[in-house]
Amino acid sequence: MITQIEETHKGLEIVDVLLGNSNVYQRFYMEMDQNKILKKKTLAQALRTLVEAENEPYVELTITMKRKDDTDPKAEVLPFVPQVRVTF
């Protein structure tokens, strides 16, 4: 899903993926050296399994993004990014 969204919206990079108040993916956390294995394991899982939505027809995720060319670690997250509905 992350790859598909980033390919669809060229120049944008996903920062966080949330389901309600629960973090599904946080780029800052996953990029830490001690979390490389967790990142690989997380990205290898099917989204439906990761968000525990085995019997749901869809999930609505809040995805925050920033401009890919912005190398400042404190770069502002783009405002007004709509929720993404992922249909299984």
C-alpha atoms as a PDB file:
ATOM      1  CA  MET A   1       0.000   0.000   0.000  1.00  0.00           C
ATOM      2  CA  ILE A   2       2.815   2.427   0.874  1.00  0.00           C
ATOM      3  CA  THR A   3       4.535   1.825  -2.454  1.00  0.00           C
ATOM      4  CA  GLN A   4       1.286   2.214  -4.389  1.00  0.00           C
ATOM      5  CA  ILE A   5       0.434   5.529  -2.713  1.00  0.00           C
ATOM      6  CA  GLU A   6       3.955   6.913  -3.185  1.00  0.00           C
ATOM      7  CA  GLU A   7       3.945   5.876  -6.871  1.00  0.00           C
ATOM      8  CA  THR A   8       0.495   7.403  -7.400  1.00  0.00           C
ATOM      9  CA  HIS A   9       1.454  10.669  -5.711  1.00  0.00           C
ATOM     10  CA  LYS A  10       4.942  11.302  -7.076  1.00  0.00           C
ATOM     11  CA  GLY A  11       7.088  13.552  -4.910  1.00  0.00           C
ATOM     12  CA  LEU A  12       5.294  12.662  -1.676  1.00  0.00           C
ATOM     13  CA  GLU A  13       6.556  10.365   1.043  1.00  0.00           C
ATOM     14  CA  ILE A  14       4.458   8.641   3.691  1.00  0.00           C
ATOM     15  CA  VAL A  15       5.380   9.626   7.229  1.00  0.00           C
ATOM     16  CA  ASP A  16       2.759   7.858   9.360  1.00  0.00           C
ATOM     17  CA  VAL A  17      -0.116   5.434   8.865  1.00  0.00           C
ATOM     18  CA  LEU A  18      -2.770   5.319  11.574  1.00  0.00           C
ATOM     19  CA  LEU A  19      -5.911   3.288  12.072  1.00  0.00           C
ATOM     20  CA  GLY A  20      -8.002   5.343  14.480  1.00  0.00           C
ATOM     21  CA  ASN A  21      -5.584   6.188  17.290  1.00  0.00           C
ATOM     22  CA  SER A  22      -3.315   3.201  16.661  1.00  0.00           C
ATOM     23  CA  ASN A  23      -0.045   3.526  14.783  1.00  0.00           C
ATOM     24  CA  VAL A  24       0.314   1.060  11.952  1.00  0.00           C
ATOM     25  CA  TYR A  25       3.548   2.538  10.576  1.00  0.00           C
ATOM     26  CA  GLN A  26       5.793   5.414  11.692  1.00  0.00           C
ATOM     27  CA  ARG A  27       8.677   6.191   9.348  1.00  0.00           C
ATOM     28  CA  PHE A  28      10.762   7.938  12.026  1.00  0.00           C
ATOM     29  CA  TYR A  29      10.504   4.952  14.363  1.00  0.00           C
ATOM     30  CA  MET A  30      11.021   2.361  11.633  1.00  0.00           C
ATOM     31  CA  GLU A  31      14.133   4.133  10.285  1.00  0.00           C
ATOM     32  CA  MET A  32      15.977   3.796  13.612  1.00  0.00           C
ATOM     33  CA  ASP A  33      18.861   1.314  13.387  1.00  0.00           C
ATOM     34  CA  GLN A  34      17.499  -0.959  16.100  1.00  0.00           C
ATOM     35  CA  ASN A  35      14.178  -1.299  14.239  1.00  0.00           C
ATOM     36  CA  LYS A  36      15.410  -2.442  10.811  1.00  0.00           C
ATOM     37  CA  ILE A  37      14.190  -6.008  11.403  1.00  0.00           C
ATOM     38  CA  LEU A  38      10.819  -4.768  12.703  1.00  0.00           C
ATOM     39  CA  LYS A  39      10.433  -2.561   9.613  1.00  0.00           C
ATOM     40  CA  LYS A  40      11.150  -5.462   7.259  1.00  0.00           C
ATOM     41  CA  LYS A  41       8.746  -7.719   9.177  1.00  0.00           C
ATOM     42  CA  THR A  42       6.016  -5.039   9.260  1.00  0.00           C
ATOM     43  CA  LEU A  43       6.261  -4.238   5.548  1.00  0.00           C
ATOM     44  CA  ALA A  44       6.204  -7.949   4.661  1.00  0.00           C
ATOM     45  CA  GLN A  45       2.803  -8.463   6.313  1.00  0.00           C
ATOM     46  CA  ALA A  46      -0.438  -8.097   4.440  1.00  0.00           C
ATOM     47  CA  LEU A  47      -2.217  -4.891   5.450  1.00  0.00           C
ATOM     48  CA  ARG A  48      -5.354  -6.816   6.362  1.00  0.00           C
ATOM     49  CA  THR A  49      -3.349  -8.923   8.837  1.00  0.00           C
ATOM     50  CA  LEU A  50      -1.370  -5.960  10.145  1.00  0.00           C
ATOM     51  CA  VAL A  51      -4.502  -3.992  11.074  1.00  0.00           C
ATOM     52  CA  GLU A  52      -6.365  -7.113  12.231  1.00  0.00           C
ATOM     53  CA  ALA A  53      -9.213  -6.620   9.760  1.00  0.00           C
ATOM     54  CA  GLU A  54      -9.575 -10.211   8.581  1.00  0.00           C
ATOM     55  CA  ASN A  55     -13.363 -10.004   8.368  1.00  0.00           C
ATOM     56  CA  GLU A  56     -13.732  -6.351   7.365  1.00  0.00           C
ATOM     57  CA  PRO A  57     -14.504  -5.290   3.774  1.00  0.00           C
ATOM     58  CA  TYR A  58     -12.349  -2.158   4.174  1.00  0.00           C
ATOM     59  CA  VAL A  59     -10.382  -0.014   6.614  1.00  0.00           C
ATOM     60  CA  GLU A  60     -10.050   3.755   6.767  1.00  0.00           C
ATOM     61  CA  LEU A  61      -6.522   4.921   7.438  1.00  0.00           C
ATOM     62  CA  THR A  62      -5.122   8.323   8.241  1.00  0.00           C
ATOM     63  CA  ILE A  63      -1.900   8.777   6.300  1.00  0.00           C
ATOM     64  CA  THR A  64       0.396  11.741   6.820  1.00  0.00           C
ATOM     65  CA  MET A  65       2.814  12.739   4.076  1.00  0.00           C
ATOM     66  CA  LYS A  66       5.611  15.189   3.373  1.00  0.00           C
ATOM     67  CA  ARG A  67       7.447  16.269   0.259  1.00  0.00           C
ATOM     68  CA  LYS A  68      10.029  13.649  -0.706  1.00  0.00           C
ATOM     69  CA  ASP A  69      12.691  16.214  -1.610  1.00  0.00           C
ATOM     70  CA  ASP A  70      12.484  17.842   1.831  1.00  0.00           C
ATOM     71  CA  THR A  71      15.516  16.422   3.652  1.00  0.00           C
ATOM     72  CA  ASP A  72      14.947  18.388   6.856  1.00  0.00           C
ATOM     73  CA  PRO A  73      13.992  15.849   9.565  1.00  0.00           C
ATOM     74  CA  LYS A  74      11.633  18.451  11.052  1.00  0.00           C
ATOM     75  CA  ALA A  75       9.957  19.078   7.699  1.00  0.00           C
ATOM     76  CA  GLU A  76       6.330  19.960   7.998  1.00  0.00           C
ATOM     77  CA  VAL A  77       3.777  17.279   7.366  1.00  0.00           C
ATOM     78  CA  LEU A  78       1.385  18.348   4.634  1.00  0.00           C
ATOM     79  CA  PRO A  79      -1.918  19.603   6.027  1.00  0.00           C
ATOM     80  CA  PHE A  80      -5.359  18.450   4.906  1.00  0.00           C
ATOM     81  CA  VAL A  81      -4.380  14.987   3.706  1.00  0.00           C
ATOM     82  CA  PRO A  82      -7.668  13.077   3.451  1.00  0.00           C
ATOM     83  CA  GLN A  83      -8.279   9.633   4.926  1.00  0.00           C
ATOM     84  CA  VAL A  84      -7.557   6.693   2.668  1.00  0.00           C
ATOM     85  CA  ARG A  85     -10.104   3.887   2.413  1.00  0.00           C
ATOM     86  CA  VAL A  86      -8.445   0.576   1.590  1.00  0.00           C
ATOM     87  CA  THR A  87     -10.895  -1.988   0.222  1.00  0.00           C
ATOM     88  CA  PHE A  88      -9.932  -5.636   0.490  1.00  0.00           C
END
